C-alpha atoms as a PDB file:
ATOM      1  CA  MET A   1      71.718 -62.492  -7.475  1.00  0.00           C
ATOM      2  CA  ALA A   2      71.056 -59.033  -6.114  1.00  0.00           C
ATOM      3  CA  ARG A   3      69.937 -56.340  -8.530  1.00  0.00           C
ATOM      4  CA  ILE A   4      68.987 -52.698  -8.447  1.00  0.00           C
ATOM      5  CA  VAL A   5      65.639 -51.713  -9.917  1.00  0.00           C
ATOM      6  CA  LYS A   6      64.740 -48.035 -10.190  1.00  0.00           C
ATOM      7  CA  ARG A   7      61.065 -47.346  -9.504  1.00  0.00           C
ATOM      8  CA  THR A   8      59.661 -43.926 -10.340  1.00  0.00           C
ATOM      9  CA  HIS A   9      55.995 -44.450  -9.486  1.00  0.00           C
ATOM     10  CA  THR A  10      54.930 -43.175  -6.080  1.00  0.00           C
ATOM     11  CA  GLU A  11      51.304 -44.264  -6.036  1.00  0.00           C
ATOM     12  CA  PRO A  12      49.423 -47.515  -6.652  1.00  0.00           C
ATOM     13  CA  TYR A  13      47.551 -48.568  -9.791  1.00  0.00           C
ATOM     14  CA  MET A  14      43.844 -49.106  -9.260  1.00  0.00           C
ATOM     15  CA  LEU A  15      41.971 -51.965 -10.934  1.00  0.00           C
ATOM     16  CA  VAL A  16      38.266 -52.801 -10.667  1.00  0.00           C
ATOM     17  CA  ILE A  17      37.722 -56.582 -10.547  1.00  0.00           C
ATOM     18  CA  ASN A  18      34.172 -57.882 -10.271  1.00  0.00           C
ATOM     19  CA  GLY A  19      33.111 -54.467  -9.062  1.00  0.00           C
ATOM     20  CA  GLU A  20      35.746 -54.363  -6.308  1.00  0.00           C
ATOM     21  CA  GLU A  21      38.640 -51.874  -6.283  1.00  0.00           C
ATOM     22  CA  LYS A  22      42.083 -53.430  -5.946  1.00  0.00           C
ATOM     23  CA  TYR A  23      45.297 -51.386  -5.751  1.00  0.00           C
ATOM     24  CA  LEU A  24      48.571 -52.770  -7.162  1.00  0.00           C
ATOM     25  CA  CYS A  25      51.918 -51.606  -5.779  1.00  0.00           C
ATOM     26  CA  ARG A  26      54.089 -49.677  -8.229  1.00  0.00           C
ATOM     27  CA  CYS A  27      56.654 -48.246  -5.787  1.00  0.00           C
ATOM     28  CA  GLY A  28      58.101 -51.651  -4.879  1.00  0.00           C
ATOM     29  CA  LEU A  29      57.947 -51.095  -1.117  1.00  0.00           C
ATOM     30  CA  SER A  30      54.742 -53.008  -0.238  1.00  0.00           C
ATOM     31  CA  LYS A  31      55.153 -56.015   2.018  1.00  0.00           C
ATOM     32  CA  ASN A  32      51.885 -57.348   0.529  1.00  0.00           C
ATOM     33  CA  GLN A  33      53.016 -57.656  -3.111  1.00  0.00           C
ATOM     34  CA  PRO A  34      51.488 -57.343  -5.638  1.00  0.00           C
ATOM     35  CA  PHE A  35      48.988 -55.302  -3.616  1.00  0.00           C
ATOM     36  CA  CYS A  36      49.532 -51.845  -2.125  1.00  0.00           C
ATOM     37  CA  ASP A  37      49.888 -51.616   1.656  1.00  0.00           C
ATOM     38  CA  GLY A  38      50.389 -47.816   1.761  1.00  0.00           C
ATOM     39  CA  SER A  39      54.205 -48.008   1.903  1.00  0.00           C
ATOM     40  CA  HIS A  40      54.413 -45.562  -1.041  1.00  0.00           C
ATOM     41  CA  LYS A  41      53.699 -42.780   1.471  1.00  0.00           C
ATOM     42  CA  LEU A  42      57.359 -43.148   2.522  1.00  0.00           C
ATOM     43  CA  THR A  43      58.357 -41.699  -0.885  1.00  0.00           C
ATOM     44  CA  THR A  44      56.465 -38.381  -0.643  1.00  0.00           C
ATOM     45  CA  SER A  45      59.514 -36.437   0.636  1.00  0.00           C
ATOM     46  CA  GLU A  46      62.009 -37.903  -1.839  1.00  0.00           C
ATOM     47  CA  GLU A  47      63.943 -35.313  -3.847  1.00  0.00           C
ATOM     48  CA  GLY A  48      63.779 -35.495  -7.601  1.00  0.00           C
ATOM     49  CA  GLY A  49      66.923 -36.640  -9.368  1.00  0.00           C
ATOM     50  CA  LYS A  50      68.178 -38.615  -6.346  1.00  0.00           C
ATOM     51  CA  LEU A  51      68.242 -42.383  -5.974  1.00  0.00           C
ATOM     52  CA  TYR A  52      67.199 -44.012  -2.682  1.00  0.00           C
ATOM     53  CA  TRP A  53      66.903 -47.449  -1.173  1.00  0.00           C
ATOM     54  CA  TYR A  54      64.811 -48.554   1.827  1.00  0.00           C
ATOM     55  CA  ASP A  55      65.863 -51.041   4.481  1.00  0.00           C
ATOM     56  CA  ASP A  56      63.586 -53.637   6.092  1.00  0.00           C
ATOM     57  CA  ALA A  57      62.596 -51.151   8.788  1.00  0.00           C
ATOM     58  CA  GLY A  58      61.398 -48.631   6.154  1.00  0.00           C
ATOM     59  CA  GLN A  59      64.304 -46.262   6.668  1.00  0.00           C
ATOM     60  CA  ARG A  60      65.381 -44.361   3.562  1.00  0.00           C
ATOM     61  CA  HIS A  61      69.026 -44.171   2.439  1.00  0.00           C
ATOM     62  CA  GLU A  62      70.446 -42.124  -0.399  1.00  0.00           C
ATOM     63  CA  VAL A  63      72.515 -44.016  -2.964  1.00  0.00           C
ATOM     64  CA  ALA A  64      75.926 -42.460  -3.479  1.00  0.00           C
ATOM     65  CA  GLY A  65      76.110 -43.174  -7.232  1.00  0.00           C
ATOM     66  CA  ASP A  66      73.423 -42.374  -9.771  1.00  0.00           C
ATOM     67  CA  PHE A  67      73.849 -45.604 -11.815  1.00  0.00           C
ATOM     68  CA  PRO A  68      73.347 -43.866 -15.222  1.00  0.00           C
ATOM     69  CA  GLY A  69      72.667 -47.138 -17.098  1.00  0.00           C
ATOM     70  CA  ILE A  70      69.983 -48.406 -14.679  1.00  0.00           C
ATOM     71  CA  ARG A  71      66.632 -49.457 -16.137  1.00  0.00           C
ATOM     72  CA  THR A  72      63.601 -47.509 -14.929  1.00  0.00           C
ATOM     73  CA  PHE A  73      60.148 -49.036 -14.247  1.00  0.00           C
END
């Protein structure tokens, strides 16, 4: 079943494990989940208050509706 998940974070979450820094994806775009691959950089020019989706090629598309009841993570 397809679902829409609204992500508002545009940078990774850093953890230190056994003295080594690891970065976890919070934007949802990384192809190396759960780790960050730098894909969040695609979100830097997003406009606040707008909803977007990204295709497999990394191209951004604006969503026509705002889905007022959507859960935010």
